[in-house]
PDB file of N, CA and C in Angstrom:
ATOM      1  N   MET A   1       9.224   9.665  66.339  1.00  0.00           N
ATOM      2  CA  MET A   1       8.130   8.755  66.024  1.00  0.00           C
ATOM      3  C   MET A   1       8.708   7.351  65.859  1.00  0.00           C
ATOM      4  N   VAL A   2       8.105   6.403  66.564  1.00  0.00           N
ATOM      5  CA  VAL A   2       8.520   5.005  66.471  1.00  0.00           C
ATOM      6  C   VAL A   2       7.865   4.390  65.244  1.00  0.00           C
ATOM      7  N   THR A   3       8.619   3.598  64.505  1.00  0.00           N
ATOM      8  CA  THR A   3       8.060   2.913  63.339  1.00  0.00           C
ATOM      9  C   THR A   3       8.266   1.422  63.493  1.00  0.00           C
ATOM     10  N   LYS A   4       7.425   0.658  62.835  1.00  0.00           N
ATOM     11  CA  LYS A   4       7.502  -0.801  62.808  1.00  0.00           C
ATOM     12  C   LYS A   4       7.477  -1.235  61.354  1.00  0.00           C
ATOM     13  N   THR A   5       8.155  -2.289  61.043  1.00  0.00           N
ATOM     14  CA  THR A   5       8.137  -2.844  59.700  1.00  0.00           C
ATOM     15  C   THR A   5       7.249  -4.073  59.710  1.00  0.00           C
ATOM     16  N   ILE A   6       6.357  -4.158  58.731  1.00  0.00           N
ATOM     17  CA  ILE A   6       5.500  -5.339  58.617  1.00  0.00           C
ATOM     18  C   ILE A   6       5.726  -5.963  57.244  1.00  0.00           C
ATOM     19  N   THR A   7       5.428  -7.223  57.150  1.00  0.00           N
ATOM     20  CA  THR A   7       5.551  -7.938  55.885  1.00  0.00           C
ATOM     21  C   THR A   7       4.157  -8.327  55.417  1.00  0.00           C
ATOM     22  N   VAL A   8       3.860  -8.013  54.167  1.00  0.00           N
ATOM     23  CA  VAL A   8       2.590  -8.396  53.567  1.00  0.00           C
ATOM     24  C   VAL A   8       2.881  -9.064  52.231  1.00  0.00           C
ATOM     25  N   THR A   9       1.940  -9.857  51.779  1.00  0.00           N
ATOM     26  CA  THR A   9       2.106 -10.500  50.476  1.00  0.00           C
ATOM     27  C   THR A   9       1.967  -9.440  49.376  1.00  0.00           C
ATOM     28  N   LYS A  10       2.412  -9.754  48.185  1.00  0.00           N
ATOM     29  CA  LYS A  10       2.265  -8.859  47.032  1.00  0.00           C
ATOM     30  C   LYS A  10       0.787  -8.565  46.794  1.00  0.00           C
ATOM     31  N   GLU A  11      -0.052  -9.593  46.936  1.00  0.00           N
ATOM     32  CA  GLU A  11      -1.494  -9.430  46.746  1.00  0.00           C
ATOM     33  C   GLU A  11      -2.060  -8.421  47.753  1.00  0.00           C
ATOM     34  N   ALA A  12      -1.645  -8.529  49.016  1.00  0.00           N
ATOM     35  CA  ALA A  12      -2.117  -7.602  50.045  1.00  0.00           C
ATOM     36  C   ALA A  12      -1.602  -6.192  49.770  1.00  0.00           C
ATOM     37  N   TYR A  13      -0.348  -6.078  49.368  1.00  0.00           N
ATOM     38  CA  TYR A  13       0.235  -4.768  49.045  1.00  0.00           C
ATOM     39  C   TYR A  13      -0.537  -4.110  47.901  1.00  0.00           C
ATOM     40  N   ASP A  14      -0.823  -4.887  46.854  1.00  0.00           N
ATOM     41  CA  ASP A  14      -1.565  -4.347  45.708  1.00  0.00           C
ATOM     42  C   ASP A  14      -2.960  -3.896  46.119  1.00  0.00           C
ATOM     43  N   ALA A  15      -3.619  -4.700  46.971  1.00  0.00           N
ATOM     44  CA  ALA A  15      -4.964  -4.341  47.443  1.00  0.00           C
ATOM     45  C   ALA A  15      -4.919  -3.053  48.258  1.00  0.00           C
ATOM     46  N   LEU A  16      -3.937  -2.924  49.130  1.00  0.00           N
ATOM     47  CA  LEU A  16      -3.792  -1.704  49.933  1.00  0.00           C
ATOM     48  C   LEU A  16      -3.457  -0.503  49.051  1.00  0.00           C
ATOM     49  N   SER A  17      -2.630  -0.717  48.061  1.00  0.00           N
ATOM     50  CA  SER A  17      -2.267   0.371  47.148  1.00  0.00           C
ATOM     51  C   SER A  17      -3.489   0.907  46.420  1.00  0.00           C
ATOM     52  N   ARG A  18      -4.405   0.012  46.060  1.00  0.00           N
ATOM     53  CA  ARG A  18      -5.626   0.453  45.378  1.00  0.00           C
ATOM     54  C   ARG A  18      -6.526   1.272  46.302  1.00  0.00           C
ATOM     55  N   GLU A  19      -6.463   1.013  47.596  1.00  0.00           N
ATOM     56  CA  GLU A  19      -7.292   1.729  48.571  1.00  0.00           C
ATOM     57  C   GLU A  19      -6.702   3.075  48.965  1.00  0.00           C
ATOM     58  N   LYS A  20      -5.425   3.234  48.763  1.00  0.00           N
ATOM     59  CA  LYS A  20      -4.717   4.437  49.192  1.00  0.00           C
ATOM     60  C   LYS A  20      -5.154   5.644  48.372  1.00  0.00           C
ATOM     61  N   MET A  21      -5.479   6.742  49.049  1.00  0.00           N
ATOM     62  CA  MET A  21      -5.862   7.984  48.380  1.00  0.00           C
ATOM     63  C   MET A  21      -4.601   8.752  47.989  1.00  0.00           C
ATOM     64  N   ASP A  22      -4.755   9.654  47.023  1.00  0.00           N
ATOM     65  CA  ASP A  22      -3.627  10.483  46.609  1.00  0.00           C
ATOM     66  C   ASP A  22      -3.043  11.216  47.812  1.00  0.00           C
ATOM     67  N   GLY A  23      -1.744  11.138  47.949  1.00  0.00           N
ATOM     68  CA  GLY A  23      -1.067  11.841  49.034  1.00  0.00           C
ATOM     69  C   GLY A  23      -1.144  11.156  50.387  1.00  0.00           C
ATOM     70  N   GLU A  24      -1.833  10.035  50.462  1.00  0.00           N
ATOM     71  CA  GLU A  24      -1.995   9.325  51.737  1.00  0.00           C
ATOM     72  C   GLU A  24      -0.855   8.327  51.910  1.00  0.00           C
ATOM     73  N   SER A  25      -0.273   8.294  53.100  1.00  0.00           N
ATOM     74  CA  SER A  25       0.776   7.313  53.387  1.00  0.00           C
ATOM     75  C   SER A  25       0.127   5.977  53.744  1.00  0.00           C
ATOM     76  N   PHE A  26       0.928   4.913  53.712  1.00  0.00           N
ATOM     77  CA  PHE A  26       0.389   3.621  54.114  1.00  0.00           C
ATOM     78  C   PHE A  26      -0.003   3.622  55.593  1.00  0.00           C
ATOM     79  N   SER A  27       0.711   4.381  56.415  1.00  0.00           N
ATOM     80  CA  SER A  27       0.341   4.493  57.831  1.00  0.00           C
ATOM     81  C   SER A  27      -1.014   5.165  57.978  1.00  0.00           C
ATOM     82  N   GLU A  28      -1.242   6.244  57.218  1.00  0.00           N
ATOM     83  CA  GLU A  28      -2.533   6.934  57.267  1.00  0.00           C
ATOM     84  C   GLU A  28      -3.641   6.023  56.749  1.00  0.00           C
ATOM     85  N   LEU A  29      -3.345   5.275  55.689  1.00  0.00           N
ATOM     86  CA  LEU A  29      -4.325   4.317  55.152  1.00  0.00           C
ATOM     87  C   LEU A  29      -4.685   3.277  56.204  1.00  0.00           C
ATOM     88  N   ALA A  30      -3.676   2.723  56.867  1.00  0.00           N
ATOM     89  CA  ALA A  30      -3.911   1.689  57.881  1.00  0.00           C
ATOM     90  C   ALA A  30      -4.782   2.242  59.008  1.00  0.00           C
ATOM     91  N   LEU A  31      -4.504   3.457  59.449  1.00  0.00           N
ATOM     92  CA  LEU A  31      -5.307   4.066  60.519  1.00  0.00           C
ATOM     93  C   LEU A  31      -6.729   4.339  60.052  1.00  0.00           C
ATOM     94  N   ARG A  32      -6.883   4.831  58.820  1.00  0.00           N
ATOM     95  CA  ARG A  32      -8.227   5.108  58.293  1.00  0.00           C
ATOM     96  C   ARG A  32      -9.046   3.828  58.222  1.00  0.00           C
ATOM     97  N   LEU A  33      -8.443   2.769  57.703  1.00  0.00           N
ATOM     98  CA  LEU A  33      -9.167   1.508  57.582  1.00  0.00           C
ATOM     99  C   LEU A  33      -9.460   0.892  58.952  1.00  0.00           C
ATOM    100  N   ALA A  34      -8.495   0.971  59.862  1.00  0.00           N
ATOM    101  CA  ALA A  34      -8.664   0.380  61.191  1.00  0.00           C
ATOM    102  C   ALA A  34      -9.684   1.143  62.029  1.00  0.00           C
ATOM    103  N   ASN A  35      -9.759   2.455  61.851  1.00  0.00           N
ATOM    104  CA  ASN A  35     -10.672   3.288  62.640  1.00  0.00           C
ATOM    105  C   ASN A  35     -12.061   3.370  62.031  1.00  0.00           C
ATOM    106  N   GLY A  36     -12.215   2.877  60.838  1.00  0.00           N
ATOM    107  CA  GLY A  36     -13.526   2.941  60.197  1.00  0.00           C
ATOM    108  C   GLY A  36     -13.956   4.356  59.871  1.00  0.00           C
ATOM    109  N   ASN A  37     -13.002   5.243  59.683  1.00  0.00           N
ATOM    110  CA  ASN A  37     -13.314   6.642  59.404  1.00  0.00           C
ATOM    111  C   ASN A  37     -13.297   6.949  57.912  1.00  0.00           C
ATOM    112  N   GLY A  38     -13.652   5.970  57.115  1.00  0.00           N
ATOM    113  CA  GLY A  38     -13.687   6.191  55.680  1.00  0.00           C
ATOM    114  C   GLY A  38     -14.832   7.096  55.289  1.00  0.00           C
ATOM    115  N   LYS A  39     -14.803   7.546  54.090  1.00  0.00           N
ATOM    116  CA  LYS A  39     -15.848   8.394  53.537  1.00  0.00           C
ATOM    117  C   LYS A  39     -16.837   7.523  52.775  1.00  0.00           C
ATOM    118  N   LEU A  40     -18.041   8.025  52.599  1.00  0.00           N
ATOM    119  CA  LEU A  40     -19.054   7.303  51.850  1.00  0.00           C
ATOM    120  C   LEU A  40     -18.539   6.947  50.457  1.00  0.00           C
ATOM    121  N   ARG A  41     -17.810   7.872  49.847  1.00  0.00           N
ATOM    122  CA  ARG A  41     -17.295   7.615  48.495  1.00  0.00           C
ATOM    123  C   ARG A  41     -16.370   6.400  48.462  1.00  0.00           C
ATOM    124  N   ASP A  42     -15.773   6.039  49.601  1.00  0.00           N
ATOM    125  CA  ASP A  42     -14.906   4.860  49.651  1.00  0.00           C
ATOM    126  C   ASP A  42     -15.700   3.580  49.421  1.00  0.00           C
ATOM    127  N   CYS A  43     -17.005   3.643  49.610  1.00  0.00           N
ATOM    128  CA  CYS A  43     -17.856   2.464  49.475  1.00  0.00           C
ATOM    129  C   CYS A  43     -18.431   2.299  48.078  1.00  0.00           C
ATOM    130  N   PHE A  44     -18.354   3.360  47.248  1.00  0.00           N
ATOM    131  CA  PHE A  44     -18.940   3.283  45.915  1.00  0.00           C
ATOM    132  C   PHE A  44     -18.337   2.127  45.136  1.00  0.00           C
ATOM    133  N   GLY A  45     -19.198   1.331  44.550  1.00  0.00           N
ATOM    134  CA  GLY A  45     -18.743   0.227  43.716  1.00  0.00           C
ATOM    135  C   GLY A  45     -18.447  -1.052  44.470  1.00  0.00           C
ATOM    136  N   LEU A  46     -18.539  -1.044  45.796  1.00  0.00           N
ATOM    137  CA  LEU A  46     -18.222  -2.251  46.562  1.00  0.00           C
ATOM    138  C   LEU A  46     -19.330  -3.285  46.502  1.00  0.00           C
ATOM    139  N   TRP A  47     -20.578  -2.814  46.438  1.00  0.00           N
ATOM    140  CA  TRP A  47     -21.703  -3.739  46.448  1.00  0.00           C
ATOM    141  C   TRP A  47     -21.992  -4.156  45.026  1.00  0.00           C
ATOM    142  N   LYS A  48     -21.824  -5.418  44.752  1.00  0.00           N
ATOM    143  CA  LYS A  48     -22.131  -5.959  43.437  1.00  0.00           C
ATOM    144  C   LYS A  48     -23.460  -6.682  43.542  1.00  0.00           C
ATOM    145  N   MET A  49     -24.467  -6.188  42.806  1.00  0.00           N
ATOM    146  CA  MET A  49     -25.790  -6.800  42.840  1.00  0.00           C
ATOM    147  C   MET A  49     -25.773  -8.161  42.157  1.00  0.00           C
ATOM    148  N   THR A  50     -26.492  -9.089  42.747  1.00  0.00           N
ATOM    149  CA  THR A  50     -26.693 -10.369  42.097  1.00  0.00           C
ATOM    150  C   THR A  50     -27.739 -10.168  41.003  1.00  0.00           C
ATOM    151  N   ASP A  51     -27.878 -11.137  40.118  1.00  0.00           N
ATOM    152  CA  ASP A  51     -28.896 -11.050  39.070  1.00  0.00           C
ATOM    153  C   ASP A  51     -30.287 -10.924  39.686  1.00  0.00           C
ATOM    154  N   GLY A  52     -30.524 -11.651  40.776  1.00  0.00           N
ATOM    155  CA  GLY A  52     -31.820 -11.601  41.450  1.00  0.00           C
ATOM    156  C   GLY A  52     -32.093 -10.227  42.045  1.00  0.00           C
ATOM    157  N   GLU A  53     -31.081  -9.619  42.664  1.00  0.00           N
ATOM    158  CA  GLU A  53     -31.243  -8.284  43.239  1.00  0.00           C
ATOM    159  C   GLU A  53     -31.497  -7.250  42.144  1.00  0.00           C
ATOM    160  N   LEU A  54     -30.777  -7.376  41.043  1.00  0.00           N
ATOM    161  CA  LEU A  54     -30.972  -6.455  39.935  1.00  0.00           C
ATOM    162  C   LEU A  54     -32.386  -6.567  39.378  1.00  0.00           C
ATOM    163  N   LYS A  55     -32.873  -7.789  39.223  1.00  0.00           N
ATOM    164  CA  LYS A  55     -34.238  -7.989  38.722  1.00  0.00           C
ATOM    165  C   LYS A  55     -35.253  -7.380  39.686  1.00  0.00           C
ATOM    166  N   ALA A  56     -35.057  -7.605  40.991  1.00  0.00           N
ATOM    167  CA  ALA A  56     -35.969  -7.045  41.992  1.00  0.00           C
ATOM    168  C   ALA A  56     -35.947  -5.515  41.934  1.00  0.00           C
ATOM    169  N   PHE A  57     -34.782  -4.934  41.793  1.00  0.00           N
ATOM    170  CA  PHE A  57     -34.650  -3.488  41.691  1.00  0.00           C
ATOM    171  C   PHE A  57     -35.385  -2.975  40.448  1.00  0.00           C
ATOM    172  N   GLU A  58     -35.197  -3.663  39.328  1.00  0.00           N
ATOM    173  CA  GLU A  58     -35.866  -3.255  38.090  1.00  0.00           C
ATOM    174  C   GLU A  58     -37.382  -3.407  38.207  1.00  0.00           C
ATOM    175  N   ASP A  59     -37.833  -4.448  38.903  1.00  0.00           N
ATOM    176  CA  ASP A  59     -39.273  -4.641  39.116  1.00  0.00           C
ATOM    177  C   ASP A  59     -39.862  -3.489  39.931  1.00  0.00           C
ATOM    178  N   VAL A  60     -39.165  -3.094  40.987  1.00  0.00           N
ATOM    179  CA  VAL A  60     -39.632  -1.983  41.825  1.00  0.00           C
ATOM    180  C   VAL A  60     -39.657  -0.694  41.000  1.00  0.00           C
ATOM    181  N   LYS A  61     -38.592  -0.468  40.235  1.00  0.00           N
ATOM    182  CA  LYS A  61     -38.527   0.732  39.396  1.00  0.00           C
ATOM    183  C   LYS A  61     -39.689   0.751  38.400  1.00  0.00           C
ATOM    184  N   ARG A  62     -39.957  -0.368  37.775  1.00  0.00           N
ATOM    185  CA  ARG A  62     -41.059  -0.467  36.813  1.00  0.00           C
ATOM    186  C   ARG A  62     -42.396  -0.193  37.509  1.00  0.00           C
ATOM    187  N   SER A  63     -42.551  -0.725  38.702  1.00  0.00           N
ATOM    188  CA  SER A  63     -43.775  -0.508  39.475  1.00  0.00           C
ATOM    189  C   SER A  63     -43.969   0.975  39.784  1.00  0.00           C
ATOM    190  N   TRP A  64     -42.899   1.667  40.174  1.00  0.00           N
ATOM    191  CA  TRP A  64     -42.985   3.107  40.441  1.00  0.00           C
ATOM    192  C   TRP A  64     -43.373   3.860  39.179  1.00  0.00           C
ATOM    193  N   GLU A  65     -42.765   3.480  38.063  1.00  0.00           N
ATOM    194  CA  GLU A  65     -43.085   4.149  36.804  1.00  0.00           C
ATOM    195  C   GLU A  65     -44.552   3.922  36.433  1.00  0.00           C
ATOM    196  N   ASP A  66     -45.032   2.702  36.625  1.00  0.00           N
ATOM    197  CA  ASP A  66     -46.441   2.403  36.354  1.00  0.00           C
ATOM    198  C   ASP A  66     -47.353   3.229  37.261  1.00  0.00           C
ATOM    199  N   SER A  67     -46.997   3.325  38.534  1.00  0.00           N
ATOM    200  CA  SER A  67     -47.794   4.109  39.482  1.00  0.00           C
ATOM    201  C   SER A  67     -47.811   5.580  39.082  1.00  0.00           C
ATOM    202  N   ASP A  68     -46.659   6.099  38.686  1.00  0.00           N
ATOM    203  CA  ASP A  68     -46.602   7.493  38.240  1.00  0.00           C
ATOM    204  C   ASP A  68     -47.513   7.715  37.035  1.00  0.00           C
ATOM    205  N   ARG A  69     -47.461   6.808  36.081  1.00  0.00           N
ATOM    206  CA  ARG A  69     -48.302   6.913  34.889  1.00  0.00           C
ATOM    207  C   ARG A  69     -49.783   6.887  35.267  1.00  0.00           C
ATOM    208  N   ASP A  70     -50.146   5.977  36.172  1.00  0.00           N
ATOM    209  CA  ASP A  70     -51.534   5.874  36.623  1.00  0.00           C
ATOM    210  C   ASP A  70     -51.991   7.148  37.330  1.00  0.00           C
ATOM    211  N   LEU A  71     -51.131   7.724  38.146  1.00  0.00           N
ATOM    212  CA  LEU A  71     -51.480   8.960  38.851  1.00  0.00           C
ATOM    213  C   LEU A  71     -51.684  10.119  37.881  1.00  0.00           C
ATOM    214  N   VAL A  72     -50.843  10.191  36.848  1.00  0.00           N
ATOM    215  CA  VAL A  72     -50.998  11.250  35.846  1.00  0.00           C
ATOM    216  C   VAL A  72     -52.330  11.087  35.130  1.00  0.00           C
ATOM    217  N   LYS A  73     -52.665   9.854  34.748  1.00  0.00           N
ATOM    218  CA  LYS A  73     -53.950   9.602  34.074  1.00  0.00           C
ATOM    219  C   LYS A  73     -55.117   9.994  34.979  1.00  0.00           C
ATOM    220  N   MET A  74     -55.043   9.609  36.242  1.00  0.00           N
ATOM    221  CA  MET A  74     -56.105   9.907  37.192  1.00  0.00           C
ATOM    222  C   MET A  74     -56.247  11.419  37.367  1.00  0.00           C
ATOM    223  N   HIS A  75     -55.127  12.112  37.470  1.00  0.00           N
ATOM    224  CA  HIS A  75     -55.150  13.564  37.630  1.00  0.00           C
ATOM    225  C   HIS A  75     -55.821  14.220  36.415  1.00  0.00           C
ATOM    226  N   LYS A  76     -55.480  13.758  35.227  1.00  0.00           N
ATOM    227  CA  LYS A  76     -56.074  14.322  34.008  1.00  0.00           C
ATOM    228  C   LYS A  76     -57.581  14.095  33.970  1.00  0.00           C
ATOM    229  N   ARG A  77     -58.008  12.886  34.378  1.00  0.00           N
ATOM    230  CA  ARG A  77     -59.440  12.590  34.406  1.00  0.00           C
ATOM    231  C   ARG A  77     -60.165  13.488  35.387  1.00  0.00           C
ATOM    232  N   LEU A  78     -59.593  13.663  36.558  1.00  0.00           N
ATOM    233  CA  LEU A  78     -60.218  14.507  37.581  1.00  0.00           C
ATOM    234  C   LEU A  78     -60.227  15.985  37.158  1.00  0.00           C
ATOM    235  N   ALA A  79     -59.208  16.392  36.434  1.00  0.00           N
ATOM    236  CA  ALA A  79     -59.144  17.793  35.996  1.00  0.00           C
ATOM    237  C   ALA A  79     -60.225  18.099  34.969  1.00  0.00           C
ATOM    238  N   ARG A  80     -60.649  17.109  34.213  1.00  0.00           N
ATOM    239  CA  ARG A  80     -61.697  17.303  33.198  1.00  0.00           C
ATOM    240  C   ARG A  80     -63.069  17.481  33.828  1.00  0.00           C
ATOM    241  N   LYS A  81     -63.264  16.976  35.031  1.00  0.00           N
ATOM    242  CA  LYS A  81     -64.592  17.007  35.680  1.00  0.00           C
ATOM    243  C   LYS A  81     -64.927  18.344  36.237  1.00  0.00           C
TER     244      LYS A  81
END
């Protein structure tokens, strides 16, 4: 097997080390990242919501909860008839 030596900054090395899975070599990490064959779990925590996105998400959640409450009330009213 032919090998090549590359030079990376300490910052790049630390970033790659954080991405490396247990038992994975740096060569395997480089191939996984380059091929885009990562797992969904590799993406967890990457998306940081802005305050605006969080508020919008909470608004939608509140709306769903309100709709659920309204449907339960409507169902109870109809069941009484």
